Amino acid sequence: MTDRDPHPRTVGLPAGLFRTLDWPGDGNGTAVFLHGLSGVAEVWGDTVDALGRGRPRCVALDQRGHGHSPRTPGAYAATDYLSDLLALVVQLDGPVRLVGHSMGARVAMLAAA
């Protein structure tokens, strides 16, 4: 692992223990990456690499029910994903930039609204 590789982390959110991948950055701030319906945090690796040396810190979340994050019976409404994201942003000591694909973009738009 180099200093440019992601560091897996576990964060405690109200719905349980969630996994993130955390890439160090040379730029200012933090960007949070939210995958689509069938994705996991790893799908953002090439995108983060393409941002280059001046990128911000990049944190990709395994959203609930995906990857190494909890499966919460019956709790998969957009507002449930939004609650997870908002709790993560508080831990990251926001503000953050939000980047989402598909379902993740919907969650990002709800957070922005």
N, C-alpha and C. Protein backbone atom coordinates (compact mmCIF):
# COMPACT_ATOMS: atom_id res chain seq x y z
N MET A 1 0.84 -1.18 0.00
CA MET A 1 0.00 0.00 0.00
C MET A 1 0.89 1.24 0.00
N THR A 2 0.56 2.19 -0.87
CA THR A 2 1.28 3.46 -0.89
C THR A 2 0.45 4.51 -0.18
N ASP A 3 1.02 5.69 -0.03
CA ASP A 3 0.26 6.76 0.62
C ASP A 3 -0.87 7.27 -0.27
N ARG A 4 -0.93 6.82 -1.54
CA ARG A 4 -2.01 7.21 -2.45
C ARG A 4 -3.11 6.16 -2.51
N ASP A 5 -2.92 5.00 -1.89
CA ASP A 5 -3.94 3.95 -1.86
C ASP A 5 -4.98 4.27 -0.79
N PRO A 6 -6.20 3.75 -0.96
CA PRO A 6 -7.22 4.03 0.06
C PRO A 6 -6.96 3.26 1.35
N HIS A 7 -7.36 3.88 2.42
CA HIS A 7 -7.27 3.25 3.73
C HIS A 7 -8.68 2.83 4.13
N PRO A 8 -8.92 1.52 4.33
CA PRO A 8 -10.24 1.12 4.79
C PRO A 8 -10.44 1.56 6.25
N ARG A 9 -11.61 2.06 6.54
CA ARG A 9 -11.94 2.50 7.90
C ARG A 9 -13.34 2.03 8.23
N THR A 10 -13.61 1.90 9.51
CA THR A 10 -14.94 1.58 9.99
C THR A 10 -15.43 2.78 10.79
N VAL A 11 -16.61 3.26 10.45
CA VAL A 11 -17.19 4.40 11.16
C VAL A 11 -18.50 3.96 11.80
N GLY A 12 -18.70 4.38 13.02
CA GLY A 12 -19.94 4.09 13.72
C GLY A 12 -20.97 5.15 13.40
N LEU A 13 -22.06 4.75 12.76
CA LEU A 13 -23.17 5.63 12.46
C LEU A 13 -24.40 5.08 13.19
N PRO A 14 -25.45 5.85 13.34
CA PRO A 14 -26.61 5.36 14.09
C PRO A 14 -27.15 4.01 13.64
N ALA A 15 -27.04 3.67 12.35
CA ALA A 15 -27.55 2.39 11.85
C ALA A 15 -26.56 1.24 12.01
N GLY A 16 -25.35 1.50 12.51
CA GLY A 16 -24.37 0.43 12.69
C GLY A 16 -22.98 0.86 12.26
N LEU A 17 -22.12 -0.15 12.04
CA LEU A 17 -20.75 0.09 11.62
C LEU A 17 -20.66 0.04 10.10
N PHE A 18 -20.19 1.13 9.52
CA PHE A 18 -20.09 1.26 8.08
C PHE A 18 -18.63 1.30 7.67
N ARG A 19 -18.35 0.78 6.48
CA ARG A 19 -16.98 0.81 5.96
C ARG A 19 -16.84 1.97 4.98
N THR A 20 -15.72 2.66 5.09
CA THR A 20 -15.34 3.67 4.12
C THR A 20 -13.97 3.33 3.57
N LEU A 21 -13.69 3.86 2.41
CA LEU A 21 -12.33 3.89 1.87
C LEU A 21 -11.93 5.35 1.88
N ASP A 22 -10.76 5.62 2.39
CA ASP A 22 -10.30 7.00 2.60
C ASP A 22 -8.98 7.18 1.86
N TRP A 23 -9.01 8.02 0.82
CA TRP A 23 -7.80 8.34 0.06
C TRP A 23 -7.26 9.67 0.55
N PRO A 24 -5.98 9.74 0.86
CA PRO A 24 -5.41 11.03 1.27
C PRO A 24 -5.44 11.99 0.09
N GLY A 25 -5.44 13.26 0.40
CA GLY A 25 -5.46 14.27 -0.65
C GLY A 25 -4.45 15.36 -0.37
N ASP A 26 -4.06 16.05 -1.42
CA ASP A 26 -3.12 17.16 -1.30
C ASP A 26 -3.85 18.49 -1.37
N GLY A 27 -5.10 18.47 -1.81
CA GLY A 27 -5.87 19.70 -1.95
C GLY A 27 -6.66 19.99 -0.69
N ASN A 28 -7.49 21.00 -0.77
CA ASN A 28 -8.30 21.41 0.37
C ASN A 28 -9.60 20.63 0.44
N GLY A 29 -10.06 20.40 1.65
CA GLY A 29 -11.39 19.85 1.85
C GLY A 29 -11.47 18.35 1.71
N THR A 30 -12.73 17.89 1.71
CA THR A 30 -13.04 16.47 1.62
C THR A 30 -14.16 16.28 0.62
N ALA A 31 -14.06 15.24 -0.20
CA ALA A 31 -15.12 14.83 -1.11
C ALA A 31 -15.63 13.47 -0.66
N VAL A 32 -16.94 13.33 -0.60
CA VAL A 32 -17.58 12.06 -0.22
C VAL A 32 -18.20 11.47 -1.48
N PHE A 33 -17.87 10.22 -1.76
CA PHE A 33 -18.33 9.51 -2.96
C PHE A 33 -19.37 8.47 -2.58
N LEU A 34 -20.52 8.51 -3.27
CA LEU A 34 -21.65 7.63 -3.01
C LEU A 34 -21.94 6.78 -4.25
N HIS A 35 -21.81 5.48 -4.12
CA HIS A 35 -21.98 4.57 -5.24
C HIS A 35 -23.45 4.38 -5.61
N GLY A 36 -23.66 3.73 -6.75
CA GLY A 36 -25.00 3.41 -7.22
C GLY A 36 -25.57 2.17 -6.57
N LEU A 37 -26.75 1.77 -7.02
CA LEU A 37 -27.53 0.71 -6.39
C LEU A 37 -26.78 -0.61 -6.26
N SER A 38 -25.99 -0.98 -7.24
CA SER A 38 -25.29 -2.27 -7.16
C SER A 38 -23.80 -2.10 -6.90
N GLY A 39 -23.39 -0.94 -6.42
CA GLY A 39 -21.98 -0.66 -6.25
C GLY A 39 -21.48 -0.83 -4.83
N VAL A 40 -20.20 -0.58 -4.68
CA VAL A 40 -19.49 -0.55 -3.39
C VAL A 40 -18.45 0.57 -3.48
N ALA A 41 -17.83 0.87 -2.38
CA ALA A 41 -16.87 1.98 -2.32
C ALA A 41 -15.75 1.85 -3.36
N GLU A 42 -15.32 0.65 -3.65
CA GLU A 42 -14.19 0.44 -4.58
C GLU A 42 -14.45 0.97 -5.98
N VAL A 43 -15.72 1.13 -6.38
CA VAL A 43 -15.99 1.58 -7.75
C VAL A 43 -15.41 2.97 -8.02
N TRP A 44 -15.06 3.71 -6.98
CA TRP A 44 -14.57 5.07 -7.15
C TRP A 44 -13.05 5.16 -7.31
N GLY A 45 -12.33 4.05 -7.23
CA GLY A 45 -10.87 4.08 -7.28
C GLY A 45 -10.30 4.78 -8.50
N ASP A 46 -10.77 4.42 -9.70
CA ASP A 46 -10.26 5.04 -10.93
C ASP A 46 -10.61 6.53 -10.99
N THR A 47 -11.79 6.87 -10.51
CA THR A 47 -12.20 8.28 -10.52
C THR A 47 -11.31 9.10 -9.60
N VAL A 48 -11.06 8.59 -8.41
CA VAL A 48 -10.20 9.30 -7.46
C VAL A 48 -8.79 9.43 -8.05
N ASP A 49 -8.27 8.36 -8.63
CA ASP A 49 -6.94 8.44 -9.25
C ASP A 49 -6.90 9.50 -10.34
N ALA A 50 -7.97 9.61 -11.13
CA ALA A 50 -8.01 10.57 -12.24
C ALA A 50 -8.01 12.02 -11.74
N LEU A 51 -8.38 12.24 -10.50
CA LEU A 51 -8.38 13.61 -9.97
C LEU A 51 -6.97 14.16 -9.79
N GLY A 52 -5.99 13.28 -9.75
CA GLY A 52 -4.60 13.72 -9.71
C GLY A 52 -4.10 14.16 -8.35
N ARG A 53 -2.92 14.75 -8.38
CA ARG A 53 -2.19 15.07 -7.14
C ARG A 53 -2.86 16.14 -6.29
N GLY A 54 -3.57 17.07 -6.87
CA GLY A 54 -4.16 18.16 -6.10
C GLY A 54 -5.55 17.87 -5.59
N ARG A 55 -5.93 16.60 -5.61
CA ARG A 55 -7.29 16.24 -5.21
C ARG A 55 -7.52 16.50 -3.72
N PRO A 56 -8.78 16.64 -3.33
CA PRO A 56 -9.08 16.72 -1.90
C PRO A 56 -9.00 15.33 -1.28
N ARG A 57 -9.08 15.27 0.02
CA ARG A 57 -9.27 13.97 0.67
C ARG A 57 -10.55 13.38 0.09
N CYS A 58 -10.53 12.09 -0.23
CA CYS A 58 -11.68 11.43 -0.85
C CYS A 58 -12.12 10.27 0.03
N VAL A 59 -13.40 10.26 0.38
CA VAL A 59 -13.96 9.22 1.23
C VAL A 59 -15.12 8.59 0.49
N ALA A 60 -15.03 7.28 0.24
CA ALA A 60 -16.11 6.54 -0.41
C ALA A 60 -16.78 5.66 0.64
N LEU A 61 -18.09 5.72 0.68
CA LEU A 61 -18.88 4.99 1.67
C LEU A 61 -19.50 3.75 1.06
N ASP A 62 -19.37 2.61 1.73
CA ASP A 62 -20.22 1.46 1.43
C ASP A 62 -21.57 1.80 2.05
N GLN A 63 -22.55 2.14 1.22
CA GLN A 63 -23.85 2.52 1.76
C GLN A 63 -24.56 1.30 2.35
N ARG A 64 -25.54 1.55 3.20
CA ARG A 64 -26.23 0.46 3.89
C ARG A 64 -26.68 -0.63 2.92
N GLY A 65 -26.47 -1.87 3.34
CA GLY A 65 -26.84 -3.01 2.52
C GLY A 65 -25.85 -3.34 1.42
N HIS A 66 -24.72 -2.67 1.38
CA HIS A 66 -23.73 -2.87 0.32
C HIS A 66 -22.36 -3.11 0.94
N GLY A 67 -21.57 -3.92 0.26
CA GLY A 67 -20.19 -4.14 0.69
C GLY A 67 -20.10 -4.61 2.13
N HIS A 68 -19.31 -3.90 2.93
CA HIS A 68 -19.07 -4.29 4.31
C HIS A 68 -19.87 -3.44 5.30
N SER A 69 -20.93 -2.82 4.84
CA SER A 69 -21.77 -2.03 5.73
C SER A 69 -22.99 -2.85 6.12
N PRO A 70 -23.72 -2.41 7.16
CA PRO A 70 -24.79 -3.25 7.72
C PRO A 70 -25.98 -3.41 6.77
N ARG A 71 -26.60 -4.56 6.92
CA ARG A 71 -27.88 -4.82 6.25
C ARG A 71 -28.95 -4.53 7.29
N THR A 72 -29.74 -3.53 7.03
CA THR A 72 -30.75 -3.09 7.99
C THR A 72 -32.12 -3.48 7.46
N PRO A 73 -32.74 -4.50 8.05
CA PRO A 73 -34.01 -5.01 7.52
C PRO A 73 -35.05 -3.91 7.35
N GLY A 74 -35.55 -3.79 6.11
CA GLY A 74 -36.64 -2.88 5.82
C GLY A 74 -36.31 -1.40 5.80
N ALA A 75 -35.06 -1.02 5.98
CA ALA A 75 -34.71 0.41 6.08
C ALA A 75 -33.87 0.85 4.87
N TYR A 76 -34.52 0.94 3.71
CA TYR A 76 -33.79 1.28 2.49
C TYR A 76 -34.46 2.40 1.70
N ALA A 77 -35.16 3.26 2.39
CA ALA A 77 -35.72 4.44 1.73
C ALA A 77 -34.61 5.46 1.52
N ALA A 78 -34.83 6.38 0.59
CA ALA A 78 -33.82 7.41 0.33
C ALA A 78 -33.48 8.18 1.60
N THR A 79 -34.46 8.39 2.45
CA THR A 79 -34.20 9.13 3.69
C THR A 79 -33.33 8.34 4.66
N ASP A 80 -33.35 7.01 4.58
CA ASP A 80 -32.45 6.19 5.41
C ASP A 80 -31.01 6.38 4.96
N TYR A 81 -30.79 6.34 3.64
CA TYR A 81 -29.44 6.58 3.10
C TYR A 81 -28.98 7.99 3.43
N LEU A 82 -29.90 8.94 3.35
CA LEU A 82 -29.59 10.33 3.67
C LEU A 82 -29.15 10.47 5.13
N SER A 83 -29.85 9.81 6.04
CA SER A 83 -29.47 9.86 7.46
C SER A 83 -28.06 9.33 7.68
N ASP A 84 -27.71 8.26 6.99
CA ASP A 84 -26.35 7.72 7.10
C ASP A 84 -25.33 8.75 6.62
N LEU A 85 -25.60 9.35 5.47
CA LEU A 85 -24.67 10.33 4.91
C LEU A 85 -24.51 11.52 5.84
N LEU A 86 -25.59 12.05 6.35
CA LEU A 86 -25.50 13.23 7.21
C LEU A 86 -24.72 12.92 8.49
N ALA A 87 -24.89 11.73 9.04
CA ALA A 87 -24.11 11.34 10.22
C ALA A 87 -22.63 11.23 9.88
N LEU A 88 -22.31 10.73 8.69
CA LEU A 88 -20.91 10.65 8.26
C LEU A 88 -20.32 12.05 8.10
N VAL A 89 -21.06 12.96 7.49
CA VAL A 89 -20.56 14.32 7.27
C VAL A 89 -20.24 14.99 8.61
N VAL A 90 -21.07 14.76 9.61
CA VAL A 90 -20.79 15.31 10.95
C VAL A 90 -19.47 14.77 11.46
N GLN A 91 -19.22 13.48 11.30
CA GLN A 91 -17.96 12.88 11.75
C GLN A 91 -16.76 13.41 10.96
N LEU A 92 -16.98 13.72 9.70
CA LEU A 92 -15.89 14.24 8.87
C LEU A 92 -15.65 15.72 9.13
N ASP A 93 -16.48 16.31 9.96
CA ASP A 93 -16.36 17.72 10.32
C ASP A 93 -16.49 18.59 9.08
N GLY A 94 -17.53 18.29 8.26
CA GLY A 94 -17.83 19.00 7.01
C GLY A 94 -17.42 20.45 7.02
N PRO A 95 -17.66 21.21 5.99
CA PRO A 95 -18.44 20.83 4.82
C PRO A 95 -17.67 19.88 3.91
N VAL A 96 -18.40 19.21 3.07
CA VAL A 96 -17.81 18.28 2.12
C VAL A 96 -18.38 18.54 0.73
N ARG A 97 -17.69 18.03 -0.26
CA ARG A 97 -18.22 17.99 -1.63
C ARG A 97 -18.85 16.61 -1.79
N LEU A 98 -20.01 16.53 -2.40
CA LEU A 98 -20.68 15.25 -2.60
C LEU A 98 -20.61 14.84 -4.06
N VAL A 99 -20.26 13.58 -4.29
CA VAL A 99 -20.19 13.01 -5.63
C VAL A 99 -20.99 11.72 -5.60
N GLY A 100 -21.96 11.59 -6.49
CA GLY A 100 -22.78 10.39 -6.48
C GLY A 100 -23.07 9.87 -7.86
N HIS A 101 -23.32 8.57 -7.92
CA HIS A 101 -23.71 7.92 -9.16
C HIS A 101 -25.03 7.19 -8.91
N SER A 102 -26.00 7.37 -9.79
CA SER A 102 -27.26 6.66 -9.71
C SER A 102 -27.91 6.90 -8.35
N MET A 103 -28.14 5.85 -7.57
CA MET A 103 -28.74 5.99 -6.25
C MET A 103 -27.93 6.96 -5.39
N GLY A 104 -26.62 6.90 -5.48
CA GLY A 104 -25.77 7.80 -4.71
C GLY A 104 -25.98 9.26 -5.09
N ALA A 105 -26.26 9.52 -6.38
CA ALA A 105 -26.54 10.89 -6.80
C ALA A 105 -27.85 11.38 -6.21
N ARG A 106 -28.82 10.50 -6.10
CA ARG A 106 -30.10 10.88 -5.48
C ARG A 106 -29.89 11.26 -4.03
N VAL A 107 -29.10 10.47 -3.32
CA VAL A 107 -28.81 10.76 -1.92
C VAL A 107 -28.06 12.10 -1.80
N ALA A 108 -27.10 12.33 -2.68
CA ALA A 108 -26.35 13.58 -2.67
C ALA A 108 -27.26 14.78 -2.92
N MET A 109 -28.20 14.63 -3.87
CA MET A 109 -29.13 15.73 -4.15
C MET A 109 -30.05 16.00 -2.96
N LEU A 110 -30.48 14.95 -2.28
CA LEU A 110 -31.31 15.15 -1.08
C LEU A 110 -30.53 15.89 -0.01
N ALA A 111 -29.27 15.54 0.15
CA ALA A 111 -28.42 16.21 1.16
C ALA A 111 -28.24 17.67 0.79
N ALA A 112 -28.03 17.95 -0.48
CA ALA A 112 -27.82 19.33 -0.92
C ALA A 112 -29.09 20.16 -0.74
N ALA A 113 -30.24 19.51 -0.91
CA ALA A 113 -31.51 20.24 -0.80
C ALA A 113 -31.75 20.61 0.66
